[in-house]
């Protein structure tokens, strides 16, 4: 979602948005493990004590979930699972 997730200004704005959320839904794709910005957002949400929910999308599977989501509930993209 960003080109330079390590930028301090981006991190500050992102953290402010996360603080204003009731929880964070993480879309788990085949490329999530290499998405530095998304991985930072997950770590930030944990630091801010926000509930997390991982949702597998497309053809992503258990092996595509990054270590940052260990211990986080993960479900398949279906209405019954997300509800």
PDB file of N, CA and C in Angstrom:
ATOM      1  N   UNK A   1       0.804  -1.203   0.000  1.00  0.00           N
ATOM      2  CA  UNK A   1       0.000   0.000   0.000  1.00  0.00           C
ATOM      3  C   UNK A   1       0.843   1.261   0.000  1.00  0.00           C
ATOM      4  N   UNK A   2       2.107   1.129   0.295  1.00  0.00           N
ATOM      5  CA  UNK A   2       2.996   2.295   0.299  1.00  0.00           C
ATOM      6  C   UNK A   2       4.296   1.935  -0.387  1.00  0.00           C
ATOM      7  N   UNK A   3       5.000   2.950  -0.838  1.00  0.00           N
ATOM      8  CA  UNK A   3       6.266   2.704  -1.514  1.00  0.00           C
ATOM      9  C   UNK A   3       7.442   2.700  -0.554  1.00  0.00           C
ATOM     10  N   UNK A   4       7.356   3.479   0.535  1.00  0.00           N
ATOM     11  CA  UNK A   4       8.449   3.554   1.493  1.00  0.00           C
ATOM     12  C   UNK A   4       7.913   3.419   2.920  1.00  0.00           C
ATOM     13  N   UNK A   5       7.623   2.177   3.344  1.00  0.00           N
ATOM     14  CA  UNK A   5       7.024   1.979   4.659  1.00  0.00           C
ATOM     15  C   UNK A   5       7.944   2.343   5.821  1.00  0.00           C
ATOM     16  N   UNK A   6       9.206   2.544   5.554  1.00  0.00           N
ATOM     17  CA  UNK A   6      10.135   2.881   6.612  1.00  0.00           C
ATOM     18  C   UNK A   6      10.177   4.374   6.898  1.00  0.00           C
ATOM     19  N   UNK A   7       9.490   5.188   6.107  1.00  0.00           N
ATOM     20  CA  UNK A   7       9.455   6.628   6.267  1.00  0.00           C
ATOM     21  C   UNK A   7       8.785   6.999   7.586  1.00  0.00           C
ATOM     22  N   UNK A   8       9.426   7.846   8.369  1.00  0.00           N
ATOM     23  CA  UNK A   8       8.927   8.225   9.693  1.00  0.00           C
ATOM     24  C   UNK A   8       7.563   8.893   9.626  1.00  0.00           C
ATOM     25  N   UNK A   9       7.369   9.778   8.672  1.00  0.00           N
ATOM     26  CA  UNK A   9       6.075  10.470   8.546  1.00  0.00           C
ATOM     27  C   UNK A   9       4.960   9.466   8.269  1.00  0.00           C
ATOM     28  N   UNK A  10       5.233   8.509   7.384  1.00  0.00           N
ATOM     29  CA  UNK A  10       4.231   7.475   7.080  1.00  0.00           C
ATOM     30  C   UNK A  10       3.904   6.670   8.325  1.00  0.00           C
ATOM     31  N   UNK A  11       4.924   6.281   9.072  1.00  0.00           N
ATOM     32  CA  UNK A  11       4.696   5.485  10.283  1.00  0.00           C
ATOM     33  C   UNK A  11       3.862   6.258  11.296  1.00  0.00           C
ATOM     34  N   UNK A  12       4.136   7.533  11.448  1.00  0.00           N
ATOM     35  CA  UNK A  12       3.375   8.359  12.393  1.00  0.00           C
ATOM     36  C   UNK A  12       1.906   8.436  11.994  1.00  0.00           C
ATOM     37  N   UNK A  13       1.642   8.694  10.715  1.00  0.00           N
ATOM     38  CA  UNK A  13       0.261   8.775  10.234  1.00  0.00           C
ATOM     39  C   UNK A  13      -0.440   7.421  10.348  1.00  0.00           C
ATOM     40  N   UNK A  14       0.274   6.377  10.005  1.00  0.00           N
ATOM     41  CA  UNK A  14      -0.293   5.032  10.068  1.00  0.00           C
ATOM     42  C   UNK A  14      -0.653   4.663  11.509  1.00  0.00           C
ATOM     43  N   UNK A  15       0.237   4.942  12.438  1.00  0.00           N
ATOM     44  CA  UNK A  15      -0.021   4.621  13.845  1.00  0.00           C
ATOM     45  C   UNK A  15      -1.248   5.390  14.353  1.00  0.00           C
ATOM     46  N   UNK A  16      -1.400   6.650  13.937  1.00  0.00           N
ATOM     47  CA  UNK A  16      -2.563   7.429  14.358  1.00  0.00           C
ATOM     48  C   UNK A  16      -3.851   6.784  13.859  1.00  0.00           C
ATOM     49  N   UNK A  17      -3.841   6.297  12.629  1.00  0.00           N
ATOM     50  CA  UNK A  17      -5.029   5.647  12.073  1.00  0.00           C
ATOM     51  C   UNK A  17      -5.326   4.347  12.803  1.00  0.00           C
ATOM     52  N   UNK A  18      -4.285   3.577  13.086  1.00  0.00           N
ATOM     53  CA  UNK A  18      -4.479   2.311  13.798  1.00  0.00           C
ATOM     54  C   UNK A  18      -5.025   2.575  15.192  1.00  0.00           C
ATOM     55  N   UNK A  19      -4.513   3.597  15.871  1.00  0.00           N
ATOM     56  CA  UNK A  19      -5.009   3.935  17.208  1.00  0.00           C
ATOM     57  C   UNK A  19      -6.505   4.227  17.192  1.00  0.00           C
ATOM     58  N   UNK A  20      -7.005   4.789  16.087  1.00  0.00           N
ATOM     59  CA  UNK A  20      -8.417   5.131  15.983  1.00  0.00           C
ATOM     60  C   UNK A  20      -9.315   3.960  15.602  1.00  0.00           C
ATOM     61  N   UNK A  21      -8.736   2.804  15.364  1.00  0.00           N
ATOM     62  CA  UNK A  21      -9.516   1.626  14.941  1.00  0.00           C
ATOM     63  C   UNK A  21      -9.916   0.768  16.136  1.00  0.00           C
ATOM     64  N   UNK A  22     -11.005   0.036  15.957  1.00  0.00           N
ATOM     65  CA  UNK A  22     -11.430  -0.921  16.983  1.00  0.00           C
ATOM     66  C   UNK A  22     -10.718  -2.248  16.805  1.00  0.00           C
ATOM     67  N   UNK A  23     -10.209  -2.512  15.622  1.00  0.00           N
ATOM     68  CA  UNK A  23      -9.506  -3.749  15.326  1.00  0.00           C
ATOM     69  C   UNK A  23      -8.923  -3.671  13.929  1.00  0.00           C
ATOM     70  N   UNK A  24      -8.124  -4.668  13.581  1.00  0.00           N
ATOM     71  CA  UNK A  24      -7.450  -4.682  12.289  1.00  0.00           C
ATOM     72  C   UNK A  24      -7.683  -6.028  11.612  1.00  0.00           C
ATOM     73  N   UNK A  25      -8.116  -5.984  10.370  1.00  0.00           N
ATOM     74  CA  UNK A  25      -8.266  -7.187   9.556  1.00  0.00           C
ATOM     75  C   UNK A  25      -7.081  -7.235   8.605  1.00  0.00           C
ATOM     76  N   UNK A  26      -6.364  -8.340   8.633  1.00  0.00           N
ATOM     77  CA  UNK A  26      -5.194  -8.520   7.786  1.00  0.00           C
ATOM     78  C   UNK A  26      -5.565  -9.483   6.660  1.00  0.00           C
ATOM     79  N   UNK A  27      -5.461  -9.027   5.427  1.00  0.00           N
ATOM     80  CA  UNK A  27      -5.715  -9.895   4.283  1.00  0.00           C
ATOM     81  C   UNK A  27      -4.434 -10.668   3.985  1.00  0.00           C
ATOM     82  N   UNK A  28      -4.495 -11.978   4.137  1.00  0.00           N
ATOM     83  CA  UNK A  28      -3.323 -12.829   3.945  1.00  0.00           C
ATOM     84  C   UNK A  28      -3.297 -13.296   2.494  1.00  0.00           C
ATOM     85  N   UNK A  29      -2.267 -12.868   1.780  1.00  0.00           N
ATOM     86  CA  UNK A  29      -2.093 -13.234   0.377  1.00  0.00           C
ATOM     87  C   UNK A  29      -0.763 -13.978   0.222  1.00  0.00           C
ATOM     88  N   UNK A  30      -0.506 -14.423  -0.978  1.00  0.00           N
ATOM     89  CA  UNK A  30       0.757 -15.102  -1.278  1.00  0.00           C
ATOM     90  C   UNK A  30       1.952 -14.168  -1.110  1.00  0.00           C
ATOM     91  N   UNK A  31       1.725 -12.856  -1.123  1.00  0.00           N
ATOM     92  CA  UNK A  31       2.820 -11.890  -1.098  1.00  0.00           C
ATOM     93  C   UNK A  31       2.959 -11.143   0.235  1.00  0.00           C
ATOM     94  N   UNK A  32       2.131 -11.468   1.210  1.00  0.00           N
ATOM     95  CA  UNK A  32       2.144 -10.716   2.467  1.00  0.00           C
ATOM     96  C   UNK A  32       3.499 -10.777   3.170  1.00  0.00           C
ATOM     97  N   UNK A  33       4.148 -11.918   3.145  1.00  0.00           N
ATOM     98  CA  UNK A  33       5.422 -12.063   3.860  1.00  0.00           C
ATOM     99  C   UNK A  33       6.489 -11.089   3.360  1.00  0.00           C
ATOM    100  N   UNK A  34       6.365 -10.612   2.139  1.00  0.00           N
ATOM    101  CA  UNK A  34       7.364  -9.690   1.593  1.00  0.00           C
ATOM    102  C   UNK A  34       6.871  -8.249   1.551  1.00  0.00           C
ATOM    103  N   UNK A  35       5.723  -7.979   2.159  1.00  0.00           N
ATOM    104  CA  UNK A  35       5.147  -6.629   2.164  1.00  0.00           C
ATOM    105  C   UNK A  35       5.571  -5.904   3.446  1.00  0.00           C
ATOM    106  N   UNK A  36       6.710  -5.212   3.384  1.00  0.00           N
ATOM    107  CA  UNK A  36       7.268  -4.574   4.572  1.00  0.00           C
ATOM    108  C   UNK A  36       6.291  -3.636   5.264  1.00  0.00           C
ATOM    109  N   UNK A  37       5.563  -2.847   4.494  1.00  0.00           N
ATOM    110  CA  UNK A  37       4.605  -1.905   5.086  1.00  0.00           C
ATOM    111  C   UNK A  37       3.505  -2.623   5.842  1.00  0.00           C
ATOM    112  N   UNK A  38       2.945  -3.665   5.248  1.00  0.00           N
ATOM    113  CA  UNK A  38       1.869  -4.418   5.900  1.00  0.00           C
ATOM    114  C   UNK A  38       2.375  -5.118   7.158  1.00  0.00           C
ATOM    115  N   UNK A  39       3.588  -5.661   7.099  1.00  0.00           N
ATOM    116  CA  UNK A  39       4.148  -6.319   8.284  1.00  0.00           C
ATOM    117  C   UNK A  39       4.357  -5.312   9.410  1.00  0.00           C
ATOM    118  N   UNK A  40       4.800  -4.101   9.058  1.00  0.00           N
ATOM    119  CA  UNK A  40       4.952  -3.067  10.082  1.00  0.00           C
ATOM    120  C   UNK A  40       3.593  -2.710  10.682  1.00  0.00           C
ATOM    121  N   UNK A  41       2.568  -2.624   9.832  1.00  0.00           N
ATOM    122  CA  UNK A  41       1.221  -2.301  10.318  1.00  0.00           C
ATOM    123  C   UNK A  41       0.730  -3.362  11.312  1.00  0.00           C
ATOM    124  N   UNK A  42       1.019  -4.626  11.044  1.00  0.00           N
ATOM    125  CA  UNK A  42       0.629  -5.698  11.961  1.00  0.00           C
ATOM    126  C   UNK A  42       1.339  -5.515  13.301  1.00  0.00           C
ATOM    127  N   UNK A  43       2.636  -5.264  13.257  1.00  0.00           N
ATOM    128  CA  UNK A  43       3.402  -5.047  14.494  1.00  0.00           C
ATOM    129  C   UNK A  43       2.865  -3.842  15.252  1.00  0.00           C
ATOM    130  N   UNK A  44       2.552  -2.782  14.541  1.00  0.00           N
ATOM    131  CA  UNK A  44       2.012  -1.571  15.166  1.00  0.00           C
ATOM    132  C   UNK A  44       0.678  -1.867  15.839  1.00  0.00           C
ATOM    133  N   UNK A  45      -0.192  -2.590  15.157  1.00  0.00           N
ATOM    134  CA  UNK A  45      -1.499  -2.930  15.727  1.00  0.00           C
ATOM    135  C   UNK A  45      -1.332  -3.743  17.011  1.00  0.00           C
ATOM    136  N   UNK A  46      -0.363  -4.635  17.021  1.00  0.00           N
ATOM    137  CA  UNK A  46      -0.097  -5.412  18.236  1.00  0.00           C
ATOM    138  C   UNK A  46       0.392  -4.496  19.361  1.00  0.00           C
ATOM    139  N   UNK A  47       1.297  -3.580  19.036  1.00  0.00           N
ATOM    140  CA  UNK A  47       1.804  -2.632  20.029  1.00  0.00           C
ATOM    141  C   UNK A  47       0.677  -1.785  20.600  1.00  0.00           C
ATOM    142  N   UNK A  48      -0.294  -1.442  19.763  1.00  0.00           N
ATOM    143  CA  UNK A  48      -1.423  -0.620  20.197  1.00  0.00           C
ATOM    144  C   UNK A  48      -2.549  -1.466  20.809  1.00  0.00           C
ATOM    145  N   UNK A  49      -2.294  -2.760  20.962  1.00  0.00           N
ATOM    146  CA  UNK A  49      -3.229  -3.708  21.591  1.00  0.00           C
ATOM    147  C   UNK A  49      -4.571  -3.792  20.871  1.00  0.00           C
ATOM    148  N   UNK A  50      -4.524  -3.700  19.539  1.00  0.00           N
ATOM    149  CA  UNK A  50      -5.738  -3.811  18.733  1.00  0.00           C
ATOM    150  C   UNK A  50      -5.987  -5.280  18.404  1.00  0.00           C
ATOM    151  N   UNK A  51      -7.243  -5.723  18.475  1.00  0.00           N
ATOM    152  CA  UNK A  51      -7.535  -7.095  18.063  1.00  0.00           C
ATOM    153  C   UNK A  51      -7.235  -7.263  16.574  1.00  0.00           C
ATOM    154  N   UNK A  52      -6.712  -8.424  16.223  1.00  0.00           N
ATOM    155  CA  UNK A  52      -6.373  -8.725  14.836  1.00  0.00           C
ATOM    156  C   UNK A  52      -7.154  -9.934  14.363  1.00  0.00           C
ATOM    157  N   UNK A  53      -7.499  -9.944  13.092  1.00  0.00           N
ATOM    158  CA  UNK A  53      -8.115 -11.088  12.441  1.00  0.00           C
ATOM    159  C   UNK A  53      -7.434 -11.260  11.098  1.00  0.00           C
ATOM    160  N   UNK A  54      -6.879 -12.430  10.850  1.00  0.00           N
ATOM    161  CA  UNK A  54      -6.271 -12.723   9.563  1.00  0.00           C
ATOM    162  C   UNK A  54      -7.294 -13.403   8.668  1.00  0.00           C
ATOM    163  N   UNK A  55      -7.357 -12.983   7.408  1.00  0.00           N
ATOM    164  CA  UNK A  55      -8.304 -13.568   6.457  1.00  0.00           C
ATOM    165  C   UNK A  55      -7.526 -14.006   5.216  1.00  0.00           C
ATOM    166  N   UNK A  56      -7.577 -15.310   4.935  1.00  0.00           N
ATOM    167  CA  UNK A  56      -6.918 -15.834   3.737  1.00  0.00           C
ATOM    168  C   UNK A  56      -7.721 -15.430   2.508  1.00  0.00           C
ATOM    169  N   UNK A  57      -7.058 -14.842   1.533  1.00  0.00           N
ATOM    170  CA  UNK A  57      -7.721 -14.449   0.293  1.00  0.00           C
ATOM    171  C   UNK A  57      -7.033 -15.121  -0.890  1.00  0.00           C
ATOM    172  N   UNK A  58      -7.792 -15.262  -1.967  1.00  0.00           N
ATOM    173  CA  UNK A  58      -7.245 -15.897  -3.159  1.00  0.00           C
ATOM    174  C   UNK A  58      -6.829 -17.326  -2.857  1.00  0.00           C
ATOM    175  N   UNK A  59      -5.648 -17.685  -3.316  1.00  0.00           N
ATOM    176  CA  UNK A  59      -5.167 -19.045  -3.082  1.00  0.00           C
ATOM    177  C   UNK A  59      -4.151 -19.112  -1.943  1.00  0.00           C
ATOM    178  N   UNK A  60      -4.171 -18.121  -1.054  1.00  0.00           N
ATOM    179  CA  UNK A  60      -3.271 -18.117   0.099  1.00  0.00           C
ATOM    180  C   UNK A  60      -3.664 -19.235   1.064  1.00  0.00           C
ATOM    181  N   UNK A  61      -2.642 -19.757   1.760  1.00  0.00           N
ATOM    182  CA  UNK A  61      -2.878 -20.832   2.720  1.00  0.00           C
ATOM    183  C   UNK A  61      -2.075 -20.579   3.986  1.00  0.00           C
ATOM    184  N   UNK A  62      -2.153 -21.518   4.905  1.00  0.00           N
ATOM    185  CA  UNK A  62      -1.488 -21.419   6.199  1.00  0.00           C
ATOM    186  C   UNK A  62      -0.023 -21.012   6.059  1.00  0.00           C
ATOM    187  N   UNK A  63       0.666 -21.564   5.092  1.00  0.00           N
ATOM    188  CA  UNK A  63       2.098 -21.286   4.931  1.00  0.00           C
ATOM    189  C   UNK A  63       2.380 -19.851   4.472  1.00  0.00           C
ATOM    190  N   UNK A  64       1.369 -19.137   4.025  1.00  0.00           N
ATOM    191  CA  UNK A  64       1.551 -17.760   3.578  1.00  0.00           C
ATOM    192  C   UNK A  64       1.411 -16.738   4.702  1.00  0.00           C
ATOM    193  N   UNK A  65       0.952 -17.174   5.871  1.00  0.00           N
ATOM    194  CA  UNK A  65       0.801 -16.251   7.001  1.00  0.00           C
ATOM    195  C   UNK A  65       2.180 -15.951   7.588  1.00  0.00           C
ATOM    196  N   UNK A  66       2.526 -14.686   7.745  1.00  0.00           N
ATOM    197  CA  UNK A  66       3.839 -14.332   8.291  1.00  0.00           C
ATOM    198  C   UNK A  66       3.911 -14.612   9.796  1.00  0.00           C
ATOM    199  N   UNK A  67       5.121 -14.673  10.316  1.00  0.00           N
ATOM    200  CA  UNK A  67       5.330 -14.916  11.741  1.00  0.00           C
ATOM    201  C   UNK A  67       4.621 -13.873  12.608  1.00  0.00           C
ATOM    202  N   UNK A  68       4.446 -12.673  12.085  1.00  0.00           N
ATOM    203  CA  UNK A  68       3.768 -11.616  12.848  1.00  0.00           C
ATOM    204  C   UNK A  68       2.342 -12.002  13.209  1.00  0.00           C
ATOM    205  N   UNK A  69       1.778 -12.992  12.532  1.00  0.00           N
ATOM    206  CA  UNK A  69       0.406 -13.419  12.812  1.00  0.00           C
ATOM    207  C   UNK A  69       0.331 -14.701  13.646  1.00  0.00           C
ATOM    208  N   UNK A  70       1.459 -15.131  14.208  1.00  0.00           N
ATOM    209  CA  UNK A  70       1.419 -16.290  15.103  1.00  0.00           C
ATOM    210  C   UNK A  70       0.545 -15.933  16.296  1.00  0.00           C
ATOM    211  N   UNK A  71      -0.371 -16.808  16.626  1.00  0.00           N
ATOM    212  CA  UNK A  71      -1.277 -16.582  17.748  1.00  0.00           C
ATOM    213  C   UNK A  71      -2.497 -15.754  17.412  1.00  0.00           C
ATOM    214  N   UNK A  72      -2.605 -15.285  16.178  1.00  0.00           N
ATOM    215  CA  UNK A  72      -3.740 -14.475  15.729  1.00  0.00           C
ATOM    216  C   UNK A  72      -4.739 -15.399  15.029  1.00  0.00           C
ATOM    217  N   UNK A  73      -6.024 -15.223  15.312  1.00  0.00           N
ATOM    218  CA  UNK A  73      -7.053 -16.010  14.642  1.00  0.00           C
ATOM    219  C   UNK A  73      -7.019 -15.732  13.149  1.00  0.00           C
ATOM    220  N   UNK A  74      -7.069 -16.817  12.365  1.00  0.00           N
ATOM    221  CA  UNK A  74      -7.071 -16.694  10.912  1.00  0.00           C
ATOM    222  C   UNK A  74      -8.225 -17.521  10.356  1.00  0.00           C
ATOM    223  N   UNK A  75      -8.947 -16.963   9.383  1.00  0.00           N
ATOM    224  CA  UNK A  75     -10.109 -17.637   8.803  1.00  0.00           C
ATOM    225  C   UNK A  75     -10.047 -17.536   7.283  1.00  0.00           C
ATOM    226  N   UNK A  76     -10.836 -18.359   6.623  1.00  0.00           N
ATOM    227  CA  UNK A  76     -10.975 -18.282   5.176  1.00  0.00           C
ATOM    228  C   UNK A  76     -11.955 -17.175   4.813  1.00  0.00           C
ATOM    229  N   UNK A  77     -11.867 -16.690   3.598  1.00  0.00           N
ATOM    230  CA  UNK A  77     -12.732 -15.617   3.115  1.00  0.00           C
ATOM    231  C   UNK A  77     -14.104 -16.197   2.774  1.00  0.00           C
ATOM    232  N   UNK A  78     -14.925 -16.340   3.802  1.00  0.00           N
ATOM    233  CA  UNK A  78     -16.321 -16.734   3.611  1.00  0.00           C
ATOM    234  C   UNK A  78     -17.138 -15.890   4.579  1.00  0.00           C
ATOM    235  N   UNK A  79     -18.388 -15.638   4.221  1.00  0.00           N
ATOM    236  CA  UNK A  79     -19.217 -14.807   5.087  1.00  0.00           C
ATOM    237  C   UNK A  79     -19.400 -15.424   6.465  1.00  0.00           C
ATOM    238  N   UNK A  80     -19.570 -16.732   6.525  1.00  0.00           N
ATOM    239  CA  UNK A  80     -19.774 -17.365   7.844  1.00  0.00           C
ATOM    240  C   UNK A  80     -18.523 -17.267   8.710  1.00  0.00           C
ATOM    241  N   UNK A  81     -17.340 -17.386   8.129  1.00  0.00           N
ATOM    242  CA  UNK A  81     -16.103 -17.276   8.909  1.00  0.00           C
ATOM    243  C   UNK A  81     -15.869 -15.856   9.392  1.00  0.00           C
ATOM    244  N   UNK A  82     -16.124 -14.884   8.538  1.00  0.00           N
ATOM    245  CA  UNK A  82     -15.870 -13.492   8.904  1.00  0.00           C
ATOM    246  C   UNK A  82     -16.870 -12.999   9.951  1.00  0.00           C
ATOM    247  N   UNK A  83     -18.104 -13.493   9.872  1.00  0.00           N
ATOM    248  CA  UNK A  83     -19.126 -13.082  10.840  1.00  0.00           C
ATOM    249  C   UNK A  83     -18.708 -13.487  12.239  1.00  0.00           C
TER     250      UNK A  83
END
